[in-house]
Protein backbone atom coordinates (compact mmCIF):
# COMPACT_ATOMS: atom_id res chain seq x y z
CA UNK A 1 12.95 20.38 -7.01
CA UNK A 2 15.40 20.75 -9.84
CA UNK A 3 18.57 22.81 -9.74
CA UNK A 4 18.06 26.42 -10.67
CA UNK A 5 14.30 26.35 -10.05
CA UNK A 6 12.58 28.62 -7.57
CA UNK A 7 10.71 26.95 -4.73
CA UNK A 8 8.17 28.69 -2.52
CA UNK A 9 6.71 27.44 0.73
CA UNK A 10 3.73 29.08 2.41
CA UNK A 11 1.95 28.18 5.62
CA UNK A 12 -1.37 29.96 6.10
CA UNK A 13 -3.57 29.56 9.12
CA UNK A 14 -6.46 31.46 10.66
CA UNK A 15 -6.08 32.93 14.09
CA UNK A 16 -8.93 33.80 16.39
CA UNK A 17 -8.76 37.45 15.31
CA UNK A 18 -8.59 36.66 11.57
CA UNK A 19 -11.49 34.20 11.57
CA UNK A 20 -14.35 36.26 10.16
CA UNK A 21 -16.50 33.25 9.30
CA UNK A 22 -18.20 33.28 12.70
CA UNK A 23 -21.77 34.41 12.34
CA UNK A 24 -21.94 33.62 8.62
CA UNK A 25 -24.57 31.12 7.64
CA UNK A 26 -25.45 29.32 4.44
CA UNK A 27 -28.74 31.19 4.17
CA UNK A 28 -26.80 34.49 3.92
CA UNK A 29 -25.32 33.50 0.53
CA UNK A 30 -27.25 35.18 -2.33
CA UNK A 31 -27.39 32.08 -4.57
CA UNK A 32 -28.89 30.07 -1.71
CA UNK A 33 -31.58 32.71 -1.33
CA UNK A 34 -32.36 32.52 -5.06
CA UNK A 35 -32.72 28.71 -5.09
CA UNK A 36 -33.87 27.59 -1.61
CA UNK A 37 -35.43 24.35 -2.89
CA UNK A 38 -32.00 23.05 -3.91
CA UNK A 39 -30.25 23.60 -0.57
CA UNK A 40 -31.40 21.68 2.52
CA UNK A 41 -32.04 23.52 5.79
CA UNK A 42 -29.43 21.52 7.67
CA UNK A 43 -26.55 19.51 6.33
CA UNK A 44 -26.23 15.97 7.73
CA UNK A 45 -22.42 16.11 7.62
CA UNK A 46 -19.74 14.64 5.43
CA UNK A 47 -20.64 11.91 2.94
CA UNK A 48 -20.11 8.35 4.14
CA UNK A 49 -16.88 6.50 3.38
CA UNK A 50 -17.04 4.71 0.04
CA UNK A 51 -15.77 1.23 -0.77
CA UNK A 52 -13.75 2.52 -3.71
CA UNK A 53 -11.21 5.24 -3.04
CA UNK A 54 -10.04 7.22 -6.04
CA UNK A 55 -6.47 8.34 -6.28
CA UNK A 56 -3.99 9.18 -9.00
CA UNK A 57 -0.52 7.83 -8.38
CA UNK A 58 2.10 10.29 -9.58
CA UNK A 59 5.49 9.28 -10.92
CA UNK A 60 8.36 11.36 -9.49
CA UNK A 61 10.16 13.56 -12.04
CA UNK A 62 7.72 12.59 -14.82
CA UNK A 63 7.22 15.26 -17.48
CA UNK A 64 3.73 16.30 -18.58
CA UNK A 65 2.41 14.78 -21.79
CA UNK A 66 3.51 16.99 -24.69
CA UNK A 67 0.40 16.50 -26.78
CA UNK A 68 -2.42 18.85 -27.70
CA UNK A 69 -5.71 18.01 -25.98
CA UNK A 70 -8.45 16.62 -28.16
CA UNK A 71 -11.03 19.01 -29.52
CA UNK A 72 -14.41 19.09 -27.82
CA UNK A 73 -16.25 20.64 -30.73
C-alpha cells in the first residue's frame, strides 16, 4: 500500500437468510440439460492431492513488466 493510494477492504459472507443456493441442483442449469453426457450424475468430490503443487511466488513492491504481449496471430 503506497502513500496516496486508495485501499478498499470488503468482507462478504452469506447468512442463513441470504443463502438462496438451497434447493438448486446441477441438473437445473440449462447447459447441463443441453449436454447431459458430459456431466456425471453425482460428483465424487474434490480432486485428489497432487504430488506437485503449483504456485507463483510474488515479489513485494515489484512493478508489472512494461512490455507489450506477444501477438497470437
